[in-house]
Amino acid sequence: MSDKVAGLDQLTVPQLLESRREVASLVPDLEAFISGSLQSQRRRCGKAGCRCAEGELHGPYQYLAVRTGRRTRMVYVPAELAEEVRRRVTLGQSVRTALARISAINLELLSRGELS
C-alpha cells in the first residue's frame, strides 16, 4: 500500500492518529482468527465396488488449507462447523487489512518524526 495512493501524506498528524484509532477499533476479535482458506473436495474411498470407483465421488467435504512453511496442511472441517470456520477465515482478511492500514499510518508518522 503506497502512502501516496492511500492519501496519508495529505492528513495532519492529529488526523493520522485519529484514523489509526478508528482502524484499531475495527479490528475484530483476534481470539476467533483462523488463517487459511476453506476448500470443498470430493474423495474416492478406494473400496472395490464402491460407487466412487465408477466416478461418483463421496462428498463434498470441507477442508481448511493452512500453509506451514512450504507445505499446505489440509484439516478436515465437520459440516456443522463449516460456516463458523468460514466466518473466522473471513475475519482473518479483515485483520490483515486493518494491520496493513495501521502500519501505513505508523510509517507516515515515522517519516514525519511524529511516531506516538
PDB file of N, CA and C in Angstrom:
ATOM      1  N   MET A   1       0.852  -1.169   0.000  1.00  0.00           N
ATOM      2  CA  MET A   1       0.000   0.000   0.000  1.00  0.00           C
ATOM      3  C   MET A   1       0.891   1.223   0.000  1.00  0.00           C
ATOM      4  N   SER A   2       0.806   2.027  -1.027  1.00  0.00           N
ATOM      5  CA  SER A   2       1.596   3.246  -1.130  1.00  0.00           C
ATOM      6  C   SER A   2       0.935   4.353  -0.329  1.00  0.00           C
ATOM      7  N   ASP A   3       1.757   5.118   0.394  1.00  0.00           N
ATOM      8  CA  ASP A   3       1.210   6.223   1.172  1.00  0.00           C
ATOM      9  C   ASP A   3       0.558   7.252   0.266  1.00  0.00           C
ATOM     10  N   LYS A   4       1.128   7.465  -0.921  1.00  0.00           N
ATOM     11  CA  LYS A   4       0.566   8.432  -1.863  1.00  0.00           C
ATOM     12  C   LYS A   4      -0.824   7.992  -2.322  1.00  0.00           C
ATOM     13  N   VAL A   5      -0.967   6.717  -2.628  1.00  0.00           N
ATOM     14  CA  VAL A   5      -2.250   6.177  -3.061  1.00  0.00           C
ATOM     15  C   VAL A   5      -3.266   6.264  -1.930  1.00  0.00           C
ATOM     16  N   ALA A   6      -2.820   5.955  -0.720  1.00  0.00           N
ATOM     17  CA  ALA A   6      -3.722   5.959   0.424  1.00  0.00           C
ATOM     18  C   ALA A   6      -4.081   7.380   0.853  1.00  0.00           C
ATOM     19  N   GLY A   7      -3.301   8.377   0.393  1.00  0.00           N
ATOM     20  CA  GLY A   7      -3.587   9.765   0.743  1.00  0.00           C
ATOM     21  C   GLY A   7      -3.165  10.138   2.149  1.00  0.00           C
ATOM     22  N   LEU A   8      -2.343   9.319   2.768  1.00  0.00           N
ATOM     23  CA  LEU A   8      -1.941   9.602   4.144  1.00  0.00           C
ATOM     24  C   LEU A   8      -1.074  10.849   4.234  1.00  0.00           C
ATOM     25  N   ASP A   9      -0.318  11.135   3.183  1.00  0.00           N
ATOM     26  CA  ASP A   9       0.549  12.304   3.207  1.00  0.00           C
ATOM     27  C   ASP A   9      -0.232  13.619   3.210  1.00  0.00           C
ATOM     28  N   GLN A  10      -1.520  13.547   2.944  1.00  0.00           N
ATOM     29  CA  GLN A  10      -2.371  14.740   2.937  1.00  0.00           C
ATOM     30  C   GLN A  10      -3.002  15.026   4.293  1.00  0.00           C
ATOM     31  N   LEU A  11      -2.883  14.067   5.234  1.00  0.00           N
ATOM     32  CA  LEU A  11      -3.524  14.214   6.541  1.00  0.00           C
ATOM     33  C   LEU A  11      -2.575  14.873   7.536  1.00  0.00           C
ATOM     34  N   THR A  12      -3.150  15.577   8.499  1.00  0.00           N
ATOM     35  CA  THR A  12      -2.361  16.150   9.583  1.00  0.00           C
ATOM     36  C   THR A  12      -2.032  15.053  10.586  1.00  0.00           C
ATOM     37  N   VAL A  13      -1.082  15.326  11.478  1.00  0.00           N
ATOM     38  CA  VAL A  13      -0.718  14.342  12.494  1.00  0.00           C
ATOM     39  C   VAL A  13      -1.931  13.976  13.357  1.00  0.00           C
ATOM     40  N   PRO A  14      -2.724  14.951  13.855  1.00  0.00           N
ATOM     41  CA  PRO A  14      -3.914  14.559  14.631  1.00  0.00           C
ATOM     42  C   PRO A  14      -4.895  13.706  13.814  1.00  0.00           C
ATOM     43  N   GLN A  15      -5.025  13.996  12.538  1.00  0.00           N
ATOM     44  CA  GLN A  15      -5.915  13.194  11.687  1.00  0.00           C
ATOM     45  C   GLN A  15      -5.366  11.776  11.523  1.00  0.00           C
ATOM     46  N   LEU A  16      -4.054  11.649  11.374  1.00  0.00           N
ATOM     47  CA  LEU A  16      -3.441  10.318  11.272  1.00  0.00           C
ATOM     48  C   LEU A  16      -3.659   9.520  12.549  1.00  0.00           C
ATOM     49  N   LEU A  17      -3.473  10.163  13.700  1.00  0.00           N
ATOM     50  CA  LEU A  17      -3.665   9.481  14.979  1.00  0.00           C
ATOM     51  C   LEU A  17      -5.109   9.035  15.155  1.00  0.00           C
ATOM     52  N   GLU A  18      -6.039   9.907  14.764  1.00  0.00           N
ATOM     53  CA  GLU A  18      -7.463   9.558  14.864  1.00  0.00           C
ATOM     54  C   GLU A  18      -7.808   8.409  13.905  1.00  0.00           C
ATOM     55  N   SER A  19      -7.268   8.462  12.701  1.00  0.00           N
ATOM     56  CA  SER A  19      -7.507   7.394  11.725  1.00  0.00           C
ATOM     57  C   SER A  19      -6.971   6.064  12.249  1.00  0.00           C
ATOM     58  N   ARG A  20      -5.778   6.110  12.861  1.00  0.00           N
ATOM     59  CA  ARG A  20      -5.193   4.888  13.423  1.00  0.00           C
ATOM     60  C   ARG A  20      -6.071   4.330  14.533  1.00  0.00           C
ATOM     61  N   ARG A  21      -6.600   5.211  15.389  1.00  0.00           N
ATOM     62  CA  ARG A  21      -7.506   4.767  16.464  1.00  0.00           C
ATOM     63  C   ARG A  21      -8.764   4.125  15.887  1.00  0.00           C
ATOM     64  N   GLU A  22      -9.316   4.750  14.858  1.00  0.00           N
ATOM     65  CA  GLU A  22     -10.537   4.217  14.238  1.00  0.00           C
ATOM     66  C   GLU A  22     -10.298   2.835  13.629  1.00  0.00           C
ATOM     67  N   VAL A  23      -9.196   2.689  12.907  1.00  0.00           N
ATOM     68  CA  VAL A  23      -8.887   1.395  12.286  1.00  0.00           C
ATOM     69  C   VAL A  23      -8.663   0.335  13.368  1.00  0.00           C
ATOM     70  N   ALA A  24      -7.932   0.698  14.424  1.00  0.00           N
ATOM     71  CA  ALA A  24      -7.661  -0.256  15.509  1.00  0.00           C
ATOM     72  C   ALA A  24      -8.950  -0.681  16.198  1.00  0.00           C
ATOM     73  N   SER A  25      -9.916   0.224  16.294  1.00  0.00           N
ATOM     74  CA  SER A  25     -11.181  -0.128  16.948  1.00  0.00           C
ATOM     75  C   SER A  25     -12.011  -1.080  16.093  1.00  0.00           C
ATOM     76  N   LEU A  26     -11.713  -1.137  14.807  1.00  0.00           N
ATOM     77  CA  LEU A  26     -12.452  -2.024  13.896  1.00  0.00           C
ATOM     78  C   LEU A  26     -11.859  -3.424  13.826  1.00  0.00           C
ATOM     79  N   VAL A  27     -10.669  -3.612  14.411  1.00  0.00           N
ATOM     80  CA  VAL A  27     -10.052  -4.937  14.384  1.00  0.00           C
ATOM     81  C   VAL A  27     -10.957  -5.897  15.139  1.00  0.00           C
ATOM     82  N   PRO A  28     -11.373  -6.962  14.470  1.00  0.00           N
ATOM     83  CA  PRO A  28     -12.296  -7.903  15.094  1.00  0.00           C
ATOM     84  C   PRO A  28     -11.627  -8.733  16.193  1.00  0.00           C
ATOM     85  N   ASP A  29     -12.400  -9.570  16.785  1.00  0.00           N
ATOM     86  CA  ASP A  29     -11.959 -10.433  17.870  1.00  0.00           C
ATOM     87  C   ASP A  29     -10.810 -11.337  17.400  1.00  0.00           C
ATOM     88  N   LEU A  30      -9.604 -11.052  17.880  1.00  0.00           N
ATOM     89  CA  LEU A  30      -8.431 -11.818  17.450  1.00  0.00           C
ATOM     90  C   LEU A  30      -8.454 -13.254  17.946  1.00  0.00           C
ATOM     91  N   GLU A  31      -9.174 -13.526  19.006  1.00  0.00           N
ATOM     92  CA  GLU A  31      -9.246 -14.897  19.516  1.00  0.00           C
ATOM     93  C   GLU A  31      -9.984 -15.822  18.559  1.00  0.00           C
ATOM     94  N   ALA A  32     -10.799 -15.268  17.679  1.00  0.00           N
ATOM     95  CA  ALA A  32     -11.569 -16.080  16.734  1.00  0.00           C
ATOM     96  C   ALA A  32     -10.839 -16.283  15.405  1.00  0.00           C
ATOM     97  N   PHE A  33      -9.745 -15.580  15.211  1.00  0.00           N
ATOM     98  CA  PHE A  33      -9.000 -15.586  13.951  1.00  0.00           C
ATOM     99  C   PHE A  33      -8.504 -16.980  13.565  1.00  0.00           C
ATOM    100  N   ILE A  34      -8.734 -17.365  12.298  1.00  0.00           N
ATOM    101  CA  ILE A  34      -8.152 -18.583  11.724  1.00  0.00           C
ATOM    102  C   ILE A  34      -7.520 -18.192  10.395  1.00  0.00           C
ATOM    103  N   SER A  35      -6.264 -18.566  10.229  1.00  0.00           N
ATOM    104  CA  SER A  35      -5.558 -18.302   8.981  1.00  0.00           C
ATOM    105  C   SER A  35      -5.717 -19.511   8.070  1.00  0.00           C
ATOM    106  N   GLY A  36      -5.966 -19.270   6.799  1.00  0.00           N
ATOM    107  CA  GLY A  36      -6.094 -20.369   5.843  1.00  0.00           C
ATOM    108  C   GLY A  36      -7.231 -20.099   4.883  1.00  0.00           C
ATOM    109  N   SER A  37      -7.582 -21.120   4.113  1.00  0.00           N
ATOM    110  CA  SER A  37      -8.711 -20.993   3.193  1.00  0.00           C
ATOM    111  C   SER A  37      -9.553 -22.253   3.267  1.00  0.00           C
ATOM    112  N   LEU A  38     -10.855 -22.058   3.178  1.00  0.00           N
ATOM    113  CA  LEU A  38     -11.791 -23.179   3.236  1.00  0.00           C
ATOM    114  C   LEU A  38     -11.991 -23.710   1.824  1.00  0.00           C
ATOM    115  N   GLN A  39     -11.837 -25.028   1.677  1.00  0.00           N
ATOM    116  CA  GLN A  39     -11.969 -25.652   0.371  1.00  0.00           C
ATOM    117  C   GLN A  39     -12.929 -26.829   0.437  1.00  0.00           C
ATOM    118  N   SER A  40     -13.626 -27.036  -0.657  1.00  0.00           N
ATOM    119  CA  SER A  40     -14.558 -28.154  -0.769  1.00  0.00           C
ATOM    120  C   SER A  40     -13.923 -29.200  -1.689  1.00  0.00           C
ATOM    121  N   GLN A  41     -13.931 -30.460  -1.233  1.00  0.00           N
ATOM    122  CA  GLN A  41     -13.349 -31.534  -2.036  1.00  0.00           C
ATOM    123  C   GLN A  41     -14.254 -32.755  -2.034  1.00  0.00           C
ATOM    124  N   ARG A  42     -14.161 -33.523  -3.110  1.00  0.00           N
ATOM    125  CA  ARG A  42     -14.824 -34.825  -3.200  1.00  0.00           C
ATOM    126  C   ARG A  42     -13.723 -35.869  -3.149  1.00  0.00           C
ATOM    127  N   ARG A  43     -14.023 -37.038  -2.571  1.00  0.00           N
ATOM    128  CA  ARG A  43     -12.989 -38.049  -2.343  1.00  0.00           C
ATOM    129  C   ARG A  43     -13.386 -39.417  -2.893  1.00  0.00           C
ATOM    130  N   ARG A  44     -12.358 -40.191  -3.180  1.00  0.00           N
ATOM    131  CA  ARG A  44     -12.504 -41.582  -3.586  1.00  0.00           C
ATOM    132  C   ARG A  44     -12.045 -42.418  -2.395  1.00  0.00           C
ATOM    133  N   CYS A  45     -12.856 -43.390  -1.947  1.00  0.00           N
ATOM    134  CA  CYS A  45     -12.519 -44.169  -0.750  1.00  0.00           C
ATOM    135  C   CYS A  45     -11.574 -45.330  -1.047  1.00  0.00           C
ATOM    136  N   GLY A  46     -11.580 -45.820  -2.259  1.00  0.00           N
ATOM    137  CA  GLY A  46     -10.670 -46.900  -2.615  1.00  0.00           C
ATOM    138  C   GLY A  46     -11.243 -48.301  -2.451  1.00  0.00           C
ATOM    139  N   LYS A  47     -12.463 -48.439  -1.954  1.00  0.00           N
ATOM    140  CA  LYS A  47     -13.075 -49.763  -1.787  1.00  0.00           C
ATOM    141  C   LYS A  47     -13.529 -50.279  -3.151  1.00  0.00           C
ATOM    142  N   ALA A  48     -13.199 -51.519  -3.417  1.00  0.00           N
ATOM    143  CA  ALA A  48     -13.610 -52.136  -4.676  1.00  0.00           C
ATOM    144  C   ALA A  48     -15.136 -52.227  -4.715  1.00  0.00           C
ATOM    145  N   GLY A  49     -15.714 -51.904  -5.838  1.00  0.00           N
ATOM    146  CA  GLY A  49     -17.158 -52.000  -5.996  1.00  0.00           C
ATOM    147  C   GLY A  49     -17.918 -50.786  -5.488  1.00  0.00           C
ATOM    148  N   CYS A  50     -17.241 -49.830  -4.872  1.00  0.00           N
ATOM    149  CA  CYS A  50     -17.923 -48.623  -4.380  1.00  0.00           C
ATOM    150  C   CYS A  50     -18.272 -47.731  -5.563  1.00  0.00           C
ATOM    151  N   ARG A  51     -19.303 -46.949  -5.379  1.00  0.00           N
ATOM    152  CA  ARG A  51     -19.745 -46.034  -6.440  1.00  0.00           C
ATOM    153  C   ARG A  51     -18.651 -45.066  -6.852  1.00  0.00           C
ATOM    154  N   CYS A  52     -17.728 -44.744  -5.923  1.00  0.00           N
ATOM    155  CA  CYS A  52     -16.673 -43.789  -6.252  1.00  0.00           C
ATOM    156  C   CYS A  52     -15.658 -44.397  -7.231  1.00  0.00           C
ATOM    157  N   ALA A  53     -15.564 -45.727  -7.264  1.00  0.00           N
ATOM    158  CA  ALA A  53     -14.663 -46.377  -8.219  1.00  0.00           C
ATOM    159  C   ALA A  53     -15.140 -46.150  -9.646  1.00  0.00           C
ATOM    160  N   GLU A  54     -16.441 -45.912  -9.802  1.00  0.00           N
ATOM    161  CA  GLU A  54     -17.029 -45.653 -11.121  1.00  0.00           C
ATOM    162  C   GLU A  54     -17.068 -44.158 -11.452  1.00  0.00           C
ATOM    163  N   GLY A  55     -16.583 -43.328 -10.539  1.00  0.00           N
ATOM    164  CA  GLY A  55     -16.523 -41.896 -10.828  1.00  0.00           C
ATOM    165  C   GLY A  55     -17.419 -41.027  -9.968  1.00  0.00           C
ATOM    166  N   GLU A  56     -18.384 -41.609  -9.252  1.00  0.00           N
ATOM    167  CA  GLU A  56     -19.277 -40.826  -8.390  1.00  0.00           C
ATOM    168  C   GLU A  56     -18.609 -40.678  -7.009  1.00  0.00           C
ATOM    169  N   LEU A  57     -17.872 -39.595  -6.850  1.00  0.00           N
ATOM    170  CA  LEU A  57     -17.066 -39.406  -5.643  1.00  0.00           C
ATOM    171  C   LEU A  57     -17.917 -39.087  -4.421  1.00  0.00           C
ATOM    172  N   HIS A  58     -17.364 -39.350  -3.235  1.00  0.00           N
ATOM    173  CA  HIS A  58     -18.023 -39.025  -1.959  1.00  0.00           C
ATOM    174  C   HIS A  58     -17.837 -37.538  -1.663  1.00  0.00           C
ATOM    175  N   GLY A  59     -18.772 -36.989  -0.947  1.00  0.00           N
ATOM    176  CA  GLY A  59     -18.641 -35.592  -0.526  1.00  0.00           C
ATOM    177  C   GLY A  59     -19.711 -34.733  -1.143  1.00  0.00           C
ATOM    178  N   PRO A  60     -19.556 -33.461  -1.130  1.00  0.00           N
ATOM    179  CA  PRO A  60     -18.319 -32.731  -0.858  1.00  0.00           C
ATOM    180  C   PRO A  60     -18.020 -32.619   0.644  1.00  0.00           C
ATOM    181  N   TYR A  61     -16.724 -32.596   0.943  1.00  0.00           N
ATOM    182  CA  TYR A  61     -16.243 -32.422   2.307  1.00  0.00           C
ATOM    183  C   TYR A  61     -15.490 -31.105   2.374  1.00  0.00           C
ATOM    184  N   GLN A  62     -15.534 -30.459   3.526  1.00  0.00           N
ATOM    185  CA  GLN A  62     -14.858 -29.178   3.719  1.00  0.00           C
ATOM    186  C   GLN A  62     -13.506 -29.403   4.405  1.00  0.00           C
ATOM    187  N   TYR A  63     -12.496 -28.711   3.899  1.00  0.00           N
ATOM    188  CA  TYR A  63     -11.153 -28.765   4.477  1.00  0.00           C
ATOM    189  C   TYR A  63     -10.621 -27.348   4.620  1.00  0.00           C
ATOM    190  N   LEU A  64      -9.856 -27.126   5.670  1.00  0.00           N
ATOM    191  CA  LEU A  64      -9.154 -25.868   5.865  1.00  0.00           C
ATOM    192  C   LEU A  64      -7.732 -26.074   5.381  1.00  0.00           C
ATOM    193  N   ALA A  65      -7.322 -25.306   4.377  1.00  0.00           N
ATOM    194  CA  ALA A  65      -5.953 -25.377   3.856  1.00  0.00           C
ATOM    195  C   ALA A  65      -5.119 -24.353   4.610  1.00  0.00           C
ATOM    196  N   VAL A  66      -4.073 -24.828   5.284  1.00  0.00           N
ATOM    197  CA  VAL A  66      -3.219 -23.970   6.112  1.00  0.00           C
ATOM    198  C   VAL A  66      -1.774 -24.138   5.669  1.00  0.00           C
ATOM    199  N   ARG A  67      -1.102 -23.026   5.371  1.00  0.00           N
ATOM    200  CA  ARG A  67       0.308 -23.070   4.997  1.00  0.00           C
ATOM    201  C   ARG A  67       1.165 -23.246   6.240  1.00  0.00           C
ATOM    202  N   THR A  68       2.044 -24.243   6.211  1.00  0.00           N
ATOM    203  CA  THR A  68       3.031 -24.453   7.277  1.00  0.00           C
ATOM    204  C   THR A  68       4.376 -24.572   6.580  1.00  0.00           C
ATOM    205  N   GLY A  69       5.112 -23.482   6.572  1.00  0.00           N
ATOM    206  CA  GLY A  69       6.370 -23.466   5.826  1.00  0.00           C
ATOM    207  C   GLY A  69       6.092 -23.549   4.342  1.00  0.00           C
ATOM    208  N   ARG A  70       6.673 -24.557   3.697  1.00  0.00           N
ATOM    209  CA  ARG A  70       6.467 -24.738   2.256  1.00  0.00           C
ATOM    210  C   ARG A  70       5.289 -25.638   1.937  1.00  0.00           C
ATOM    211  N   ARG A  71       4.742 -26.254   2.938  1.00  0.00           N
ATOM    212  CA  ARG A  71       3.672 -27.234   2.718  1.00  0.00           C
ATOM    213  C   ARG A  71       2.304 -26.645   3.072  1.00  0.00           C
ATOM    214  N   THR A  72       1.289 -27.230   2.464  1.00  0.00           N
ATOM    215  CA  THR A  72      -0.088 -26.881   2.805  1.00  0.00           C
ATOM    216  C   THR A  72      -0.693 -28.070   3.530  1.00  0.00           C
ATOM    217  N   ARG A  73      -1.182 -27.824   4.711  1.00  0.00           N
ATOM    218  CA  ARG A  73      -1.820 -28.873   5.523  1.00  0.00           C
ATOM    219  C   ARG A  73      -3.324 -28.760   5.343  1.00  0.00           C
ATOM    220  N   MET A  74      -3.983 -29.883   5.120  1.00  0.00           N
ATOM    221  CA  MET A  74      -5.436 -29.902   4.960  1.00  0.00           C
ATOM    222  C   MET A  74      -6.053 -30.449   6.245  1.00  0.00           C
ATOM    223  N   VAL A  75      -6.915 -29.655   6.860  1.00  0.00           N
ATOM    224  CA  VAL A  75      -7.570 -30.041   8.106  1.00  0.00           C
ATOM    225  C   VAL A  75      -9.050 -30.239   7.815  1.00  0.00           C
ATOM    226  N   TYR A  76      -9.567 -31.427   8.110  1.00  0.00           N
ATOM    227  CA  TYR A  76     -10.981 -31.719   7.870  1.00  0.00           C
ATOM    228  C   TYR A  76     -11.846 -30.823   8.754  1.00  0.00           C
ATOM    229  N   VAL A  77     -12.917 -30.272   8.172  1.00  0.00           N
ATOM    230  CA  VAL A  77     -13.864 -29.427   8.902  1.00  0.00           C
ATOM    231  C   VAL A  77     -15.226 -30.120   8.878  1.00  0.00           C
ATOM    232  N   PRO A  78     -15.724 -30.553  10.029  1.00  0.00           N
ATOM    233  CA  PRO A  78     -17.058 -31.171  10.063  1.00  0.00           C
ATOM    234  C   PRO A  78     -18.119 -30.214   9.505  1.00  0.00           C
ATOM    235  N   ALA A  79     -19.114 -30.757   8.840  1.00  0.00           N
ATOM    236  CA  ALA A  79     -20.150 -29.952   8.187  1.00  0.00           C
ATOM    237  C   ALA A  79     -20.793 -28.955   9.138  1.00  0.00           C
ATOM    238  N   GLU A  80     -21.002 -29.365  10.394  1.00  0.00           N
ATOM    239  CA  GLU A  80     -21.676 -28.464  11.338  1.00  0.00           C
ATOM    240  C   GLU A  80     -20.795 -27.280  11.765  1.00  0.00           C
ATOM    241  N   LEU A  81     -19.498 -27.333  11.464  1.00  0.00           N
ATOM    242  CA  LEU A  81     -18.591 -26.236  11.818  1.00  0.00           C
ATOM    243  C   LEU A  81     -18.166 -25.396  10.613  1.00  0.00           C
ATOM    244  N   ALA A  82     -18.566 -25.801   9.428  1.00  0.00           N
ATOM    245  CA  ALA A  82     -18.094 -25.159   8.203  1.00  0.00           C
ATOM    246  C   ALA A  82     -18.407 -23.665   8.155  1.00  0.00           C
ATOM    247  N   GLU A  83     -19.610 -23.261   8.498  1.00  0.00           N
ATOM    248  CA  GLU A  83     -19.957 -21.832   8.442  1.00  0.00           C
ATOM    249  C   GLU A  83     -19.178 -21.021   9.465  1.00  0.00           C
ATOM    250  N   GLU A  84     -18.967 -21.566  10.654  1.00  0.00           N
ATOM    251  CA  GLU A  84     -18.189 -20.870  11.676  1.00  0.00           C
ATOM    252  C   GLU A  84     -16.733 -20.738  11.235  1.00  0.00           C
ATOM    253  N   VAL A  85     -16.181 -21.786  10.656  1.00  0.00           N
ATOM    254  CA  VAL A  85     -14.809 -21.719  10.157  1.00  0.00           C
ATOM    255  C   VAL A  85     -14.717 -20.697   9.025  1.00  0.00           C
ATOM    256  N   ARG A  86     -15.699 -20.681   8.140  1.00  0.00           N
ATOM    257  CA  ARG A  86     -15.724 -19.702   7.043  1.00  0.00           C
ATOM    258  C   ARG A  86     -15.737 -18.276   7.604  1.00  0.00           C
ATOM    259  N   ARG A  87     -16.526 -18.040   8.638  1.00  0.00           N
ATOM    260  CA  ARG A  87     -16.597 -16.718   9.262  1.00  0.00           C
ATOM    261  C   ARG A  87     -15.242 -16.325   9.849  1.00  0.00           C
ATOM    262  N   ARG A  88     -14.592 -17.283  10.491  1.00  0.00           N
ATOM    263  CA  ARG A  88     -13.303 -16.997  11.126  1.00  0.00           C
ATOM    264  C   ARG A  88     -12.182 -16.788  10.106  1.00  0.00           C
ATOM    265  N   VAL A  89     -12.240 -17.478   8.986  1.00  0.00           N
ATOM    266  CA  VAL A  89     -11.260 -17.266   7.921  1.00  0.00           C
ATOM    267  C   VAL A  89     -11.473 -15.885   7.302  1.00  0.00           C
ATOM    268  N   THR A  90     -12.720 -15.495   7.082  1.00  0.00           N
ATOM    269  CA  THR A  90     -13.038 -14.170   6.546  1.00  0.00           C
ATOM    270  C   THR A  90     -12.562 -13.087   7.510  1.00  0.00           C
ATOM    271  N   LEU A  91     -12.714 -13.330   8.778  1.00  0.00           N
ATOM    272  CA  LEU A  91     -12.229 -12.421   9.813  1.00  0.00           C
ATOM    273  C   LEU A  91     -10.727 -12.187   9.652  1.00  0.00           C
ATOM    274  N   GLY A  92     -10.009 -13.218   9.250  1.00  0.00           N
ATOM    275  CA  GLY A  92      -8.567 -13.104   9.045  1.00  0.00           C
ATOM    276  C   GLY A  92      -8.210 -12.048   8.022  1.00  0.00           C
ATOM    277  N   GLN A  93      -8.971 -11.958   6.945  1.00  0.00           N
ATOM    278  CA  GLN A  93      -8.712 -10.942   5.921  1.00  0.00           C
ATOM    279  C   GLN A  93      -8.940  -9.547   6.494  1.00  0.00           C
ATOM    280  N   SER A  94      -9.955  -9.383   7.325  1.00  0.00           N
ATOM    281  CA  SER A  94     -10.211  -8.091   7.964  1.00  0.00           C
ATOM    282  C   SER A  94      -9.050  -7.687   8.862  1.00  0.00           C
ATOM    283  N   VAL A  95      -8.506  -8.658   9.579  1.00  0.00           N
ATOM    284  CA  VAL A  95      -7.362  -8.392  10.466  1.00  0.00           C
ATOM    285  C   VAL A  95      -6.160  -7.949   9.640  1.00  0.00           C
ATOM    286  N   ARG A  96      -5.850  -8.678   8.558  1.00  0.00           N
ATOM    287  CA  ARG A  96      -4.696  -8.322   7.730  1.00  0.00           C
ATOM    288  C   ARG A  96      -4.861  -6.939   7.113  1.00  0.00           C
ATOM    289  N   THR A  97      -6.062  -6.607   6.660  1.00  0.00           N
ATOM    290  CA  THR A  97      -6.320  -5.296   6.068  1.00  0.00           C
ATOM    291  C   THR A  97      -6.128  -4.190   7.104  1.00  0.00           C
ATOM    292  N   ALA A  98      -6.673  -4.379   8.302  1.00  0.00           N
ATOM    293  CA  ALA A  98      -6.543  -3.373   9.360  1.00  0.00           C
ATOM    294  C   ALA A  98      -5.078  -3.191   9.759  1.00  0.00           C
ATOM    295  N   LEU A  99      -4.345  -4.290   9.897  1.00  0.00           N
ATOM    296  CA  LEU A  99      -2.938  -4.184  10.284  1.00  0.00           C
ATOM    297  C   LEU A  99      -2.111  -3.481   9.206  1.00  0.00           C
ATOM    298  N   ALA A 100      -2.411  -3.729   7.946  1.00  0.00           N
ATOM    299  CA  ALA A 100      -1.706  -3.049   6.860  1.00  0.00           C
ATOM    300  C   ALA A 100      -1.974  -1.547   6.898  1.00  0.00           C
ATOM    301  N   ARG A 101      -3.212  -1.170   7.181  1.00  0.00           N
ATOM    302  CA  ARG A 101      -3.564   0.258   7.254  1.00  0.00           C
ATOM    303  C   ARG A 101      -2.872   0.917   8.450  1.00  0.00           C
ATOM    304  N   ILE A 102      -2.886   0.263   9.595  1.00  0.00           N
ATOM    305  CA  ILE A 102      -2.226   0.807  10.784  1.00  0.00           C
ATOM    306  C   ILE A 102      -0.732   0.951  10.529  1.00  0.00           C
ATOM    307  N   SER A 103      -0.120  -0.037   9.882  1.00  0.00           N
ATOM    308  CA  SER A 103       1.303   0.035   9.574  1.00  0.00           C
ATOM    309  C   SER A 103       1.599   1.210   8.649  1.00  0.00           C
ATOM    310  N   ALA A 104       0.767   1.425   7.633  1.00  0.00           N
ATOM    311  CA  ALA A 104       0.971   2.551   6.709  1.00  0.00           C
ATOM    312  C   ALA A 104       0.872   3.885   7.446  1.00  0.00           C
ATOM    313  N   ILE A 105      -0.080   3.993   8.355  1.00  0.00           N
ATOM    314  CA  ILE A 105      -0.221   5.224   9.141  1.00  0.00           C
ATOM    315  C   ILE A 105       1.018   5.433  10.015  1.00  0.00           C
ATOM    316  N   ASN A 106       1.471   4.356  10.666  1.00  0.00           N
ATOM    317  CA  ASN A 106       2.656   4.470  11.516  1.00  0.00           C
ATOM    318  C   ASN A 106       3.897   4.825  10.710  1.00  0.00           C
ATOM    319  N   LEU A 107       4.024   4.302   9.507  1.00  0.00           N
ATOM    320  CA  LEU A 107       5.154   4.667   8.644  1.00  0.00           C
ATOM    321  C   LEU A 107       5.094   6.142   8.257  1.00  0.00           C
ATOM    322  N   GLU A 108       3.899   6.630   7.977  1.00  0.00           N
ATOM    323  CA  GLU A 108       3.745   8.058   7.651  1.00  0.00           C
ATOM    324  C   GLU A 108       4.116   8.913   8.855  1.00  0.00           C
ATOM    325  N   LEU A 109       3.659   8.519  10.036  1.00  0.00           N
ATOM    326  CA  LEU A 109       4.013   9.253  11.265  1.00  0.00           C
ATOM    327  C   LEU A 109       5.529   9.216  11.480  1.00  0.00           C
ATOM    328  N   LEU A 110       6.144   8.082  11.268  1.00  0.00           N
ATOM    329  CA  LEU A 110       7.577   7.936  11.448  1.00  0.00           C
ATOM    330  C   LEU A 110       8.340   8.848  10.483  1.00  0.00           C
ATOM    331  N   SER A 111       7.870   8.887   9.235  1.00  0.00           N
ATOM    332  CA  SER A 111       8.546   9.729   8.237  1.00  0.00           C
ATOM    333  C   SER A 111       8.469  11.210   8.613  1.00  0.00           C
ATOM    334  N   ARG A 112       7.497  11.578   9.440  1.00  0.00           N
ATOM    335  CA  ARG A 112       7.367  12.965   9.927  1.00  0.00           C
ATOM    336  C   ARG A 112       8.030  13.168  11.288  1.00  0.00           C
ATOM    337  N   GLY A 113       8.586  12.084  11.834  1.00  0.00           N
ATOM    338  CA  GLY A 113       9.218  12.182  13.145  1.00  0.00           C
ATOM    339  C   GLY A 113       8.204  12.333  14.268  1.00  0.00           C
ATOM    340  N   GLU A 114       6.995  11.859  14.044  1.00  0.00           N
ATOM    341  CA  GLU A 114       5.891  12.041  14.987  1.00  0.00           C
ATOM    342  C   GLU A 114       5.332  10.727  15.520  1.00  0.00           C
ATOM    343  N   LEU A 115       6.105   9.677  15.457  1.00  0.00           N
ATOM    344  CA  LEU A 115       5.597   8.371  15.896  1.00  0.00           C
ATOM    345  C   LEU A 115       5.221   8.418  17.364  1.00  0.00           C
ATOM    346  N   SER A 116       3.933   8.173  17.640  1.00  0.00           N
ATOM    347  CA  SER A 116       3.480   8.169  19.037  1.00  0.00           C
ATOM    348  C   SER A 116       2.595   6.984  19.284  1.00  0.00           C
TER     349      SER A 116
END
